[in-house]
């Protein structure tokens, strides 16, 4: 991607949010003045510095998320939705070495549409450090029952208001690692009580 390929967004007074949100250039310049004075640059350069810091933070967060989940960003498609994402998408893609950017229709409300169309879900976590050589299925089962009661009460309350008639579904996960390993691996487990062979089941899924 070259500079010529970048799509740079510029907000103009009278056009933002269909003209419903007023933009005051003088107040924006005043806000940037202290940065410009500190760095001894023009207000325009100071604004670019602020934008660079934001985009660097976004890029760092994306790289961290990808690394934690074992994903490769190169070759991916960057989808820009919600807020001001389309204004930053091209420059963020350049930082991440992503060649394709997708800006869907109504991108600014994409996050809101997704929120209302996505299934109601609630996640509960509880830490339990346990070696498989000392696997205690009774303790594990008790933890999952407790988490079930926590989650189903929240989901059922939301479903009664927004999406009635849908029975809740459970998804059990455990996070495991080898001794000395620096990153947990998420393992899906059956939605049922563990028996005496639970450690074997967990190890098999982990490996």
N, C-alpha and C. Protein backbone atom coordinates (compact mmCIF):
# COMPACT_ATOMS: atom_id res chain seq x y z
N UNK A 1 0.85 -1.20 0.00
CA UNK A 1 0.00 0.00 0.00
C UNK A 1 0.89 1.24 0.00
N UNK A 2 0.64 2.16 -0.91
CA UNK A 2 1.42 3.39 -0.99
C UNK A 2 0.58 4.55 -0.48
N UNK A 3 1.23 5.71 -0.32
CA UNK A 3 0.50 6.89 0.13
C UNK A 3 -0.65 7.22 -0.81
N UNK A 4 -0.46 6.92 -2.09
CA UNK A 4 -1.50 7.22 -3.07
C UNK A 4 -2.74 6.35 -2.86
N UNK A 5 -2.54 5.21 -2.22
CA UNK A 5 -3.66 4.29 -2.01
C UNK A 5 -4.49 4.64 -0.78
N UNK A 6 -3.93 5.52 0.08
CA UNK A 6 -4.61 5.83 1.33
C UNK A 6 -5.85 6.68 1.09
N UNK A 7 -6.90 6.33 1.80
CA UNK A 7 -8.13 7.13 1.75
C UNK A 7 -8.13 7.98 3.02
N UNK A 8 -7.91 9.26 2.88
CA UNK A 8 -7.81 10.12 4.04
C UNK A 8 -9.15 10.83 4.26
N UNK A 9 -9.64 10.73 5.48
CA UNK A 9 -10.92 11.36 5.80
C UNK A 9 -10.71 12.77 6.31
N UNK A 10 -11.59 13.68 5.94
CA UNK A 10 -11.53 15.05 6.41
C UNK A 10 -12.93 15.48 6.80
N UNK A 11 -13.08 15.93 8.03
CA UNK A 11 -14.38 16.40 8.50
C UNK A 11 -14.54 17.88 8.18
N UNK A 12 -15.65 18.20 7.60
CA UNK A 12 -15.92 19.58 7.25
C UNK A 12 -17.16 20.05 8.02
N UNK A 13 -17.11 21.31 8.48
CA UNK A 13 -18.26 21.88 9.18
C UNK A 13 -19.50 21.82 8.28
N UNK A 14 -20.61 21.40 8.87
CA UNK A 14 -21.85 21.33 8.12
C UNK A 14 -22.11 20.00 7.46
N UNK A 15 -21.12 19.09 7.49
CA UNK A 15 -21.29 17.79 6.84
C UNK A 15 -21.24 16.63 7.83
N UNK A 16 -20.70 16.85 9.03
CA UNK A 16 -20.55 15.76 9.99
C UNK A 16 -21.92 15.34 10.53
N UNK A 17 -22.18 14.03 10.51
CA UNK A 17 -23.46 13.48 10.98
C UNK A 17 -24.63 14.14 10.26
N UNK A 18 -24.45 14.32 8.94
CA UNK A 18 -25.52 14.92 8.16
C UNK A 18 -25.79 16.36 8.53
N UNK A 19 -24.81 17.03 9.11
CA UNK A 19 -24.98 18.42 9.51
C UNK A 19 -25.61 18.59 10.88
N UNK A 20 -25.92 17.49 11.57
CA UNK A 20 -26.57 17.58 12.88
C UNK A 20 -25.58 17.91 14.00
N UNK A 21 -24.29 17.65 13.77
CA UNK A 21 -23.28 17.95 14.79
C UNK A 21 -22.42 19.10 14.29
N UNK A 22 -22.39 20.17 15.05
CA UNK A 22 -21.62 21.35 14.65
C UNK A 22 -20.14 21.12 14.96
N UNK A 23 -19.28 21.49 14.02
CA UNK A 23 -17.84 21.43 14.22
C UNK A 23 -17.31 22.85 14.31
N UNK A 24 -16.55 23.14 15.36
CA UNK A 24 -16.00 24.48 15.58
C UNK A 24 -14.49 24.41 15.40
N UNK A 25 -14.01 24.88 14.27
CA UNK A 25 -12.59 24.81 13.95
C UNK A 25 -11.75 25.58 14.97
N UNK A 26 -12.24 26.73 15.42
CA UNK A 26 -11.45 27.53 16.36
C UNK A 26 -11.25 26.81 17.69
N UNK A 27 -12.29 26.11 18.16
CA UNK A 27 -12.15 25.37 19.41
C UNK A 27 -11.22 24.18 19.25
N UNK A 28 -11.24 23.55 18.07
CA UNK A 28 -10.32 22.45 17.80
C UNK A 28 -8.88 22.96 17.79
N UNK A 29 -8.67 24.12 17.19
CA UNK A 29 -7.33 24.69 17.15
C UNK A 29 -6.85 25.06 18.55
N UNK A 30 -7.77 25.57 19.38
CA UNK A 30 -7.41 25.91 20.76
C UNK A 30 -7.00 24.66 21.53
N UNK A 31 -7.72 23.57 21.31
CA UNK A 31 -7.41 22.31 21.99
C UNK A 31 -6.04 21.79 21.60
N UNK A 32 -5.63 22.02 20.37
CA UNK A 32 -4.34 21.53 19.87
C UNK A 32 -3.20 22.49 20.16
N UNK A 33 -3.53 23.72 20.62
CA UNK A 33 -2.50 24.74 20.75
C UNK A 33 -1.43 24.34 21.77
N UNK A 34 -1.84 23.74 22.90
CA UNK A 34 -0.86 23.37 23.92
C UNK A 34 0.09 22.30 23.41
N UNK A 35 -0.43 21.36 22.62
CA UNK A 35 0.42 20.33 22.03
C UNK A 35 1.39 20.97 21.04
N UNK A 36 0.87 21.88 20.23
CA UNK A 36 1.72 22.56 19.25
C UNK A 36 2.82 23.37 19.93
N UNK A 37 2.47 24.04 21.04
CA UNK A 37 3.47 24.84 21.75
C UNK A 37 4.54 23.94 22.35
N UNK A 38 4.13 22.80 22.93
CA UNK A 38 5.08 21.89 23.56
C UNK A 38 6.06 21.32 22.55
N UNK A 39 5.53 20.93 21.39
CA UNK A 39 6.37 20.30 20.37
C UNK A 39 7.00 21.31 19.42
N UNK A 40 6.58 22.58 19.58
CA UNK A 40 7.08 23.66 18.72
C UNK A 40 6.84 23.34 17.25
N UNK A 41 5.61 23.00 16.95
CA UNK A 41 5.20 22.71 15.58
C UNK A 41 3.90 23.45 15.31
N UNK A 42 3.43 23.35 14.07
CA UNK A 42 2.17 23.98 13.72
C UNK A 42 1.00 23.20 14.34
N UNK A 43 -0.16 23.83 14.40
CA UNK A 43 -1.34 23.17 14.94
C UNK A 43 -1.70 21.96 14.08
N UNK A 44 -1.55 22.09 12.77
CA UNK A 44 -1.86 20.97 11.88
C UNK A 44 -0.95 19.78 12.16
N UNK A 45 0.35 20.06 12.39
CA UNK A 45 1.28 18.97 12.70
C UNK A 45 0.96 18.34 14.05
N UNK A 46 0.55 19.17 15.01
CA UNK A 46 0.18 18.64 16.32
C UNK A 46 -1.02 17.71 16.20
N UNK A 47 -1.98 18.08 15.37
CA UNK A 47 -3.15 17.23 15.17
C UNK A 47 -2.75 15.90 14.54
N UNK A 48 -1.79 15.95 13.62
CA UNK A 48 -1.30 14.71 13.01
C UNK A 48 -0.59 13.84 14.04
N UNK A 49 0.15 14.47 14.96
CA UNK A 49 0.81 13.70 16.02
C UNK A 49 -0.22 12.96 16.87
N UNK A 50 -1.29 13.66 17.24
CA UNK A 50 -2.34 13.03 18.05
C UNK A 50 -2.96 11.86 17.29
N UNK A 51 -3.23 12.08 16.02
CA UNK A 51 -3.81 11.01 15.20
C UNK A 51 -2.86 9.82 15.11
N UNK A 52 -1.56 10.10 14.97
CA UNK A 52 -0.57 9.01 14.90
C UNK A 52 -0.55 8.20 16.19
N UNK A 53 -0.65 8.89 17.33
CA UNK A 53 -0.63 8.19 18.62
C UNK A 53 -1.84 7.26 18.74
N UNK A 54 -3.01 7.77 18.33
CA UNK A 54 -4.23 6.95 18.39
C UNK A 54 -4.10 5.73 17.49
N UNK A 55 -3.62 5.94 16.27
CA UNK A 55 -3.52 4.83 15.32
C UNK A 55 -2.44 3.83 15.73
N UNK A 56 -1.36 4.32 16.32
CA UNK A 56 -0.34 3.40 16.84
C UNK A 56 -0.89 2.55 17.97
N UNK A 57 -1.72 3.16 18.82
CA UNK A 57 -2.33 2.40 19.91
C UNK A 57 -3.28 1.34 19.38
N UNK A 58 -4.05 1.70 18.35
CA UNK A 58 -4.96 0.73 17.74
C UNK A 58 -4.18 -0.41 17.09
N UNK A 59 -3.11 -0.07 16.41
CA UNK A 59 -2.30 -1.10 15.75
C UNK A 59 -1.66 -2.03 16.77
N UNK A 60 -1.18 -1.47 17.87
CA UNK A 60 -0.58 -2.29 18.92
C UNK A 60 -1.60 -3.24 19.52
N UNK A 61 -2.81 -2.72 19.76
CA UNK A 61 -3.88 -3.56 20.31
C UNK A 61 -4.23 -4.69 19.34
N UNK A 62 -4.27 -4.39 18.06
CA UNK A 62 -4.59 -5.42 17.06
C UNK A 62 -3.50 -6.49 17.01
N UNK A 63 -2.24 -6.07 17.04
CA UNK A 63 -1.14 -7.04 17.03
C UNK A 63 -1.16 -7.92 18.28
N UNK A 64 -1.43 -7.31 19.42
CA UNK A 64 -1.48 -8.07 20.67
C UNK A 64 -2.60 -9.09 20.63
N UNK A 65 -3.77 -8.65 20.17
CA UNK A 65 -4.92 -9.57 20.08
C UNK A 65 -4.60 -10.73 19.14
N UNK A 66 -3.98 -10.43 18.01
CA UNK A 66 -3.64 -11.49 17.05
C UNK A 66 -2.63 -12.46 17.64
N UNK A 67 -1.62 -11.92 18.33
CA UNK A 67 -0.59 -12.78 18.92
C UNK A 67 -1.17 -13.68 20.00
N UNK A 68 -2.07 -13.14 20.80
CA UNK A 68 -2.66 -13.93 21.89
C UNK A 68 -3.54 -15.06 21.37
N UNK A 69 -4.07 -14.90 20.16
CA UNK A 69 -4.96 -15.92 19.60
C UNK A 69 -4.30 -16.70 18.47
N UNK A 70 -3.00 -16.50 18.28
CA UNK A 70 -2.28 -17.25 17.27
C UNK A 70 -2.71 -16.94 15.85
N UNK A 71 -3.06 -15.69 15.59
CA UNK A 71 -3.55 -15.29 14.27
C UNK A 71 -2.49 -14.51 13.52
N UNK A 72 -2.59 -14.54 12.19
CA UNK A 72 -1.67 -13.79 11.33
C UNK A 72 -2.47 -12.68 10.64
N UNK A 73 -2.07 -11.43 10.86
CA UNK A 73 -2.81 -10.31 10.31
C UNK A 73 -2.59 -10.14 8.81
N UNK A 74 -1.40 -10.44 8.34
CA UNK A 74 -1.12 -10.27 6.91
C UNK A 74 -2.04 -11.19 6.11
N UNK A 75 -2.69 -10.62 5.11
CA UNK A 75 -3.63 -11.38 4.31
C UNK A 75 -5.05 -11.30 4.81
N UNK A 76 -5.24 -10.65 5.97
CA UNK A 76 -6.59 -10.48 6.50
C UNK A 76 -7.27 -9.28 5.84
N UNK A 77 -8.55 -9.15 6.08
CA UNK A 77 -9.32 -7.99 5.61
C UNK A 77 -9.68 -7.15 6.83
N UNK A 78 -9.39 -5.87 6.78
CA UNK A 78 -9.75 -4.97 7.87
C UNK A 78 -11.15 -4.42 7.60
N UNK A 79 -12.09 -4.72 8.50
CA UNK A 79 -13.46 -4.24 8.38
C UNK A 79 -13.62 -3.05 9.30
N UNK A 80 -13.97 -1.90 8.74
CA UNK A 80 -14.12 -0.67 9.52
C UNK A 80 -15.59 -0.42 9.82
N UNK A 81 -15.92 -0.41 11.10
CA UNK A 81 -17.32 -0.15 11.47
C UNK A 81 -17.35 0.61 12.79
N UNK A 82 -18.43 1.34 12.99
CA UNK A 82 -18.63 2.04 14.25
C UNK A 82 -17.79 3.29 14.38
N UNK A 83 -18.39 4.33 14.93
CA UNK A 83 -17.64 5.55 15.26
C UNK A 83 -16.90 6.13 14.07
N UNK A 84 -15.63 6.46 14.31
CA UNK A 84 -14.80 7.08 13.27
C UNK A 84 -13.87 6.09 12.60
N UNK A 85 -14.15 4.80 12.74
CA UNK A 85 -13.25 3.78 12.18
C UNK A 85 -12.97 3.97 10.70
N UNK A 86 -13.98 4.28 9.86
CA UNK A 86 -13.67 4.44 8.44
C UNK A 86 -12.66 5.55 8.16
N UNK A 87 -12.59 6.56 9.04
CA UNK A 87 -11.64 7.64 8.83
C UNK A 87 -10.20 7.19 9.10
N UNK A 88 -10.04 6.16 9.93
CA UNK A 88 -8.71 5.71 10.30
C UNK A 88 -8.31 4.40 9.62
N UNK A 89 -9.24 3.78 8.94
CA UNK A 89 -9.04 2.41 8.47
C UNK A 89 -7.83 2.26 7.56
N UNK A 90 -7.67 3.14 6.59
CA UNK A 90 -6.58 2.98 5.62
C UNK A 90 -5.21 3.14 6.28
N UNK A 91 -5.08 4.14 7.14
CA UNK A 91 -3.78 4.34 7.79
C UNK A 91 -3.49 3.23 8.79
N UNK A 92 -4.54 2.71 9.45
CA UNK A 92 -4.34 1.58 10.36
C UNK A 92 -3.94 0.34 9.58
N UNK A 93 -4.59 0.11 8.44
CA UNK A 93 -4.24 -1.04 7.59
C UNK A 93 -2.79 -0.95 7.13
N UNK A 94 -2.32 0.25 6.81
CA UNK A 94 -0.93 0.43 6.39
C UNK A 94 0.03 0.02 7.51
N UNK A 95 -0.29 0.40 8.75
CA UNK A 95 0.56 0.04 9.88
C UNK A 95 0.58 -1.48 10.10
N UNK A 96 -0.53 -2.14 9.82
CA UNK A 96 -0.64 -3.58 10.06
C UNK A 96 -0.28 -4.41 8.84
N UNK A 97 0.09 -3.74 7.75
CA UNK A 97 0.44 -4.41 6.49
C UNK A 97 -0.74 -5.24 5.96
N UNK A 98 -1.92 -4.69 6.11
CA UNK A 98 -3.13 -5.31 5.57
C UNK A 98 -3.49 -4.59 4.28
N UNK A 99 -3.70 -5.34 3.21
CA UNK A 99 -3.87 -4.73 1.90
C UNK A 99 -5.32 -4.42 1.55
N UNK A 100 -6.28 -5.07 2.21
CA UNK A 100 -7.68 -4.89 1.85
C UNK A 100 -8.46 -4.30 3.02
N UNK A 101 -9.19 -3.22 2.74
CA UNK A 101 -10.04 -2.57 3.75
C UNK A 101 -11.48 -2.60 3.25
N UNK A 102 -12.39 -3.04 4.12
CA UNK A 102 -13.81 -3.09 3.77
C UNK A 102 -14.57 -2.12 4.66
N UNK A 103 -15.25 -1.15 4.03
CA UNK A 103 -16.09 -0.20 4.76
C UNK A 103 -17.53 -0.48 4.36
N UNK A 104 -18.31 -1.13 5.22
CA UNK A 104 -19.68 -1.51 4.86
C UNK A 104 -20.61 -0.31 4.86
N UNK A 105 -21.78 -0.45 4.22
CA UNK A 105 -22.79 0.62 4.31
C UNK A 105 -23.19 0.85 5.76
N UNK A 106 -23.51 2.09 6.10
CA UNK A 106 -23.91 2.43 7.46
C UNK A 106 -22.86 2.01 8.47
N UNK A 107 -21.60 2.22 8.11
CA UNK A 107 -20.51 1.76 8.98
C UNK A 107 -20.58 2.40 10.36
N UNK A 108 -21.04 3.64 10.43
CA UNK A 108 -21.03 4.35 11.71
C UNK A 108 -21.97 3.75 12.73
N UNK A 109 -23.00 3.02 12.28
CA UNK A 109 -23.93 2.40 13.23
C UNK A 109 -23.78 0.88 13.23
N UNK A 110 -22.72 0.39 12.60
CA UNK A 110 -22.53 -1.05 12.53
C UNK A 110 -22.47 -1.71 13.88
N UNK A 111 -21.80 -1.06 14.83
CA UNK A 111 -21.68 -1.66 16.15
C UNK A 111 -23.03 -1.74 16.84
N UNK A 112 -23.87 -0.73 16.64
CA UNK A 112 -25.20 -0.75 17.26
C UNK A 112 -26.07 -1.82 16.63
N UNK A 113 -26.02 -1.96 15.30
CA UNK A 113 -26.80 -3.00 14.62
C UNK A 113 -26.33 -4.37 15.09
N UNK A 114 -25.03 -4.55 15.19
CA UNK A 114 -24.50 -5.83 15.64
C UNK A 114 -24.94 -6.15 17.04
N UNK A 115 -25.00 -5.15 17.90
CA UNK A 115 -25.39 -5.38 19.28
C UNK A 115 -26.81 -5.91 19.38
N UNK A 116 -27.70 -5.35 18.58
CA UNK A 116 -29.10 -5.75 18.66
C UNK A 116 -29.39 -7.03 17.90
N UNK A 117 -28.55 -7.39 16.93
CA UNK A 117 -28.81 -8.60 16.15
C UNK A 117 -28.07 -9.82 16.69
N UNK A 118 -27.06 -9.59 17.52
CA UNK A 118 -26.27 -10.71 18.04
C UNK A 118 -27.05 -11.46 19.11
N UNK A 119 -26.77 -12.74 19.28
CA UNK A 119 -27.44 -13.51 20.34
C UNK A 119 -27.08 -12.94 21.72
N UNK A 120 -28.04 -13.01 22.62
CA UNK A 120 -27.77 -12.61 23.99
C UNK A 120 -26.77 -13.58 24.59
N UNK A 121 -25.73 -13.06 25.20
CA UNK A 121 -24.70 -13.93 25.75
C UNK A 121 -24.11 -13.29 26.99
N UNK A 122 -23.65 -14.15 27.88
CA UNK A 122 -23.01 -13.67 29.10
C UNK A 122 -21.94 -14.68 29.48
N UNK A 123 -20.78 -14.19 29.83
CA UNK A 123 -19.66 -15.07 30.16
C UNK A 123 -19.27 -14.88 31.62
N UNK A 124 -19.08 -15.99 32.32
CA UNK A 124 -18.62 -15.95 33.70
C UNK A 124 -17.35 -16.78 33.81
N UNK A 125 -16.39 -16.27 34.55
CA UNK A 125 -15.10 -16.94 34.69
C UNK A 125 -14.78 -17.15 36.17
N UNK A 126 -14.06 -18.19 36.44
CA UNK A 126 -13.55 -18.42 37.79
C UNK A 126 -12.21 -19.13 37.69
N UNK A 127 -11.24 -18.64 38.40
CA UNK A 127 -9.91 -19.23 38.37
C UNK A 127 -9.86 -20.46 39.26
N UNK A 128 -9.19 -21.49 38.76
CA UNK A 128 -8.99 -22.72 39.52
C UNK A 128 -7.72 -23.37 39.00
N UNK A 129 -6.62 -23.16 39.69
CA UNK A 129 -5.34 -23.72 39.26
C UNK A 129 -5.27 -25.17 39.72
N UNK A 130 -5.18 -26.08 38.76
CA UNK A 130 -5.23 -27.50 39.09
C UNK A 130 -4.42 -28.28 38.07
N UNK A 131 -3.50 -29.07 38.53
CA UNK A 131 -2.76 -29.95 37.64
C UNK A 131 -3.60 -31.17 37.29
N UNK A 132 -3.47 -31.66 36.08
CA UNK A 132 -4.26 -32.82 35.68
C UNK A 132 -3.91 -34.06 36.49
N UNK A 133 -2.70 -34.10 37.02
CA UNK A 133 -2.31 -35.24 37.86
C UNK A 133 -3.07 -35.25 39.19
N UNK A 134 -3.64 -34.09 39.56
CA UNK A 134 -4.43 -33.99 40.79
C UNK A 134 -5.85 -33.52 40.45
N UNK A 135 -6.38 -34.00 39.33
CA UNK A 135 -7.67 -33.55 38.84
C UNK A 135 -8.78 -33.93 39.83
N UNK A 136 -9.59 -32.96 40.20
CA UNK A 136 -10.69 -33.15 41.16
C UNK A 136 -11.99 -32.88 40.44
N UNK A 137 -12.65 -33.93 39.92
CA UNK A 137 -13.85 -33.71 39.12
C UNK A 137 -15.00 -33.12 39.93
N UNK A 138 -15.07 -33.43 41.21
CA UNK A 138 -16.14 -32.88 42.04
C UNK A 138 -16.01 -31.36 42.15
N UNK A 139 -14.79 -30.89 42.32
CA UNK A 139 -14.57 -29.45 42.41
C UNK A 139 -14.86 -28.77 41.07
N UNK A 140 -14.41 -29.38 39.99
CA UNK A 140 -14.66 -28.83 38.66
C UNK A 140 -16.16 -28.77 38.37
N UNK A 141 -16.88 -29.84 38.68
CA UNK A 141 -18.33 -29.87 38.45
C UNK A 141 -19.04 -28.80 39.26
N UNK A 142 -18.61 -28.61 40.51
CA UNK A 142 -19.24 -27.60 41.36
C UNK A 142 -19.02 -26.20 40.79
N UNK A 143 -17.84 -25.95 40.25
CA UNK A 143 -17.55 -24.64 39.66
C UNK A 143 -18.43 -24.39 38.45
N UNK A 144 -18.57 -25.40 37.57
CA UNK A 144 -19.39 -25.21 36.37
C UNK A 144 -20.87 -25.03 36.72
N UNK A 145 -21.34 -25.73 37.75
CA UNK A 145 -22.74 -25.52 38.15
C UNK A 145 -22.95 -24.11 38.67
N UNK A 146 -22.00 -23.62 39.43
CA UNK A 146 -22.09 -22.26 39.95
C UNK A 146 -22.07 -21.23 38.81
N UNK A 147 -21.19 -21.45 37.84
CA UNK A 147 -21.12 -20.53 36.70
C UNK A 147 -22.39 -20.59 35.86
N UNK A 148 -22.99 -21.77 35.75
CA UNK A 148 -24.24 -21.91 35.01
C UNK A 148 -25.34 -21.07 35.65
N UNK A 149 -25.47 -21.13 36.95
CA UNK A 149 -26.52 -20.35 37.63
C UNK A 149 -26.27 -18.85 37.49
N UNK A 150 -25.00 -18.47 37.48
CA UNK A 150 -24.69 -17.05 37.30
C UNK A 150 -25.09 -16.57 35.91
N UNK A 151 -24.75 -17.36 34.89
CA UNK A 151 -24.97 -16.91 33.52
C UNK A 151 -26.42 -17.03 33.09
N UNK A 152 -27.08 -18.14 33.46
CA UNK A 152 -28.44 -18.36 32.97
C UNK A 152 -29.40 -17.33 33.54
N UNK A 153 -29.14 -16.84 34.74
CA UNK A 153 -30.02 -15.83 35.33
C UNK A 153 -29.95 -14.53 34.54
N UNK A 154 -28.75 -14.17 34.08
CA UNK A 154 -28.59 -12.93 33.31
C UNK A 154 -29.19 -13.08 31.92
N UNK A 155 -28.87 -14.19 31.25
CA UNK A 155 -29.36 -14.42 29.89
C UNK A 155 -30.89 -14.55 29.88
N UNK A 156 -31.43 -15.27 30.85
CA UNK A 156 -32.87 -15.46 30.89
C UNK A 156 -33.60 -14.13 31.12
N UNK A 157 -33.02 -13.28 31.96
CA UNK A 157 -33.63 -11.97 32.20
C UNK A 157 -33.62 -11.12 30.94
N UNK A 158 -32.52 -11.17 30.19
CA UNK A 158 -32.45 -10.41 28.94
C UNK A 158 -33.36 -10.98 27.88
N UNK A 159 -33.41 -12.31 27.79
CA UNK A 159 -34.25 -12.94 26.76
C UNK A 159 -35.73 -12.65 27.01
N UNK A 160 -36.13 -12.61 28.27
CA UNK A 160 -37.53 -12.34 28.58
C UNK A 160 -37.96 -10.98 28.07
N UNK A 161 -37.00 -10.06 28.00
CA UNK A 161 -37.32 -8.70 27.56
C UNK A 161 -37.14 -8.51 26.06
N UNK A 162 -36.04 -9.09 25.50
CA UNK A 162 -35.69 -8.80 24.12
C UNK A 162 -35.98 -9.94 23.15
N UNK A 163 -35.68 -11.16 23.56
CA UNK A 163 -35.83 -12.30 22.63
C UNK A 163 -36.46 -13.49 23.36
N UNK A 164 -37.74 -13.37 23.70
CA UNK A 164 -38.39 -14.45 24.45
C UNK A 164 -38.54 -15.73 23.62
N UNK A 165 -38.67 -16.84 24.33
CA UNK A 165 -38.93 -18.11 23.67
C UNK A 165 -37.71 -18.85 23.22
N UNK A 166 -36.51 -18.36 23.54
CA UNK A 166 -35.29 -19.04 23.14
C UNK A 166 -34.60 -19.63 24.37
N UNK A 167 -34.53 -20.94 24.50
CA UNK A 167 -33.88 -21.54 25.68
C UNK A 167 -32.39 -21.24 25.68
N UNK A 168 -31.83 -21.02 26.83
CA UNK A 168 -30.39 -20.71 26.90
C UNK A 168 -29.55 -21.93 26.55
N UNK A 169 -28.40 -21.67 25.93
CA UNK A 169 -27.45 -22.73 25.60
C UNK A 169 -26.15 -22.46 26.35
N UNK A 170 -25.51 -23.53 26.73
CA UNK A 170 -24.29 -23.43 27.52
C UNK A 170 -23.08 -23.83 26.69
N UNK A 171 -21.98 -23.13 26.93
CA UNK A 171 -20.71 -23.49 26.31
C UNK A 171 -19.64 -23.47 27.39
N UNK A 172 -19.08 -24.62 27.66
CA UNK A 172 -18.07 -24.73 28.71
C UNK A 172 -16.67 -24.69 28.09
N UNK A 173 -15.82 -23.95 28.77
CA UNK A 173 -14.43 -23.85 28.33
C UNK A 173 -13.50 -23.93 29.52
N UNK A 174 -12.32 -24.43 29.27
CA UNK A 174 -11.25 -24.39 30.26
C UNK A 174 -10.01 -23.82 29.57
N UNK A 175 -9.17 -23.18 30.34
CA UNK A 175 -7.94 -22.59 29.79
C UNK A 175 -6.75 -23.33 30.42
N UNK A 176 -5.99 -23.98 29.57
CA UNK A 176 -4.91 -24.84 30.05
C UNK A 176 -3.57 -24.44 29.45
N UNK A 177 -2.53 -24.88 30.09
CA UNK A 177 -1.18 -24.68 29.58
C UNK A 177 -0.28 -25.77 30.14
N UNK A 178 0.79 -26.05 29.42
CA UNK A 178 1.82 -26.90 29.97
C UNK A 178 2.54 -26.15 31.09
N UNK A 179 3.11 -26.87 32.02
CA UNK A 179 3.89 -26.23 33.07
C UNK A 179 5.04 -25.45 32.43
N UNK A 180 5.10 -24.16 32.73
CA UNK A 180 6.13 -23.32 32.15
C UNK A 180 5.71 -22.62 30.87
N UNK A 181 4.56 -23.01 30.32
CA UNK A 181 4.07 -22.35 29.10
C UNK A 181 3.54 -20.97 29.45
N UNK A 182 3.77 -20.00 28.58
CA UNK A 182 3.41 -18.62 28.89
C UNK A 182 2.01 -18.20 28.50
N UNK A 183 1.31 -19.01 27.73
CA UNK A 183 -0.01 -18.59 27.23
C UNK A 183 -1.00 -19.73 27.35
N UNK A 184 -2.18 -19.40 27.86
CA UNK A 184 -3.24 -20.41 27.99
C UNK A 184 -3.83 -20.77 26.64
N UNK A 185 -4.30 -21.99 26.51
CA UNK A 185 -5.01 -22.46 25.33
C UNK A 185 -6.44 -22.77 25.73
N UNK A 186 -7.41 -22.16 25.03
CA UNK A 186 -8.82 -22.39 25.33
C UNK A 186 -9.25 -23.75 24.80
N UNK A 187 -9.91 -24.53 25.65
CA UNK A 187 -10.35 -25.87 25.30
C UNK A 187 -11.85 -25.98 25.55
N UNK A 188 -12.60 -26.40 24.54
CA UNK A 188 -14.03 -26.62 24.70
C UNK A 188 -14.26 -27.96 25.39
N UNK A 189 -15.15 -27.96 26.37
CA UNK A 189 -15.46 -29.16 27.12
C UNK A 189 -16.93 -29.52 26.95
N UNK A 190 -17.30 -30.79 27.16
CA UNK A 190 -18.71 -31.19 27.04
C UNK A 190 -19.55 -30.53 28.14
N UNK A 191 -20.80 -30.22 27.80
CA UNK A 191 -21.71 -29.58 28.76
C UNK A 191 -22.35 -30.63 29.66
N UNK A 192 -21.53 -31.28 30.44
CA UNK A 192 -22.01 -32.31 31.36
C UNK A 192 -20.99 -32.48 32.48
N UNK A 193 -21.43 -33.10 33.56
CA UNK A 193 -20.52 -33.31 34.68
C UNK A 193 -19.37 -34.22 34.28
N UNK A 194 -18.21 -33.92 34.84
CA UNK A 194 -17.03 -34.75 34.62
C UNK A 194 -17.10 -35.99 35.52
N UNK A 195 -16.59 -37.09 35.00
CA UNK A 195 -16.49 -38.30 35.81
C UNK A 195 -15.03 -38.53 36.17
N UNK A 196 -14.71 -39.72 36.64
CA UNK A 196 -13.35 -40.02 37.06
C UNK A 196 -12.35 -39.95 35.92
N UNK A 197 -12.86 -40.06 34.68
CA UNK A 197 -11.99 -39.98 33.50
C UNK A 197 -11.91 -38.56 32.94
N UNK A 198 -12.36 -37.58 33.73
CA UNK A 198 -12.37 -36.20 33.26
C UNK A 198 -11.01 -35.68 32.87
N UNK A 199 -9.99 -36.05 33.61
CA UNK A 199 -8.64 -35.59 33.30
C UNK A 199 -8.19 -36.08 31.93
N UNK A 200 -8.59 -37.31 31.58
CA UNK A 200 -8.24 -37.86 30.27
C UNK A 200 -8.92 -37.06 29.16
N UNK A 201 -10.21 -36.74 29.39
CA UNK A 201 -10.97 -35.96 28.40
C UNK A 201 -10.34 -34.59 28.20
N UNK A 202 -10.01 -33.93 29.29
CA UNK A 202 -9.42 -32.60 29.22
C UNK A 202 -8.07 -32.64 28.50
N UNK A 203 -7.23 -33.61 28.86
CA UNK A 203 -5.91 -33.70 28.23
C UNK A 203 -6.04 -33.97 26.74
N UNK A 204 -6.98 -34.84 26.36
CA UNK A 204 -7.18 -35.14 24.94
C UNK A 204 -7.57 -33.89 24.15
N UNK A 205 -8.52 -33.13 24.69
CA UNK A 205 -8.96 -31.92 24.00
C UNK A 205 -7.84 -30.88 23.95
N UNK A 206 -7.06 -30.81 25.01
CA UNK A 206 -5.95 -29.84 25.05
C UNK A 206 -4.90 -30.18 24.00
N UNK A 207 -4.55 -31.46 23.91
CA UNK A 207 -3.51 -31.85 22.96
C UNK A 207 -3.98 -31.77 21.52
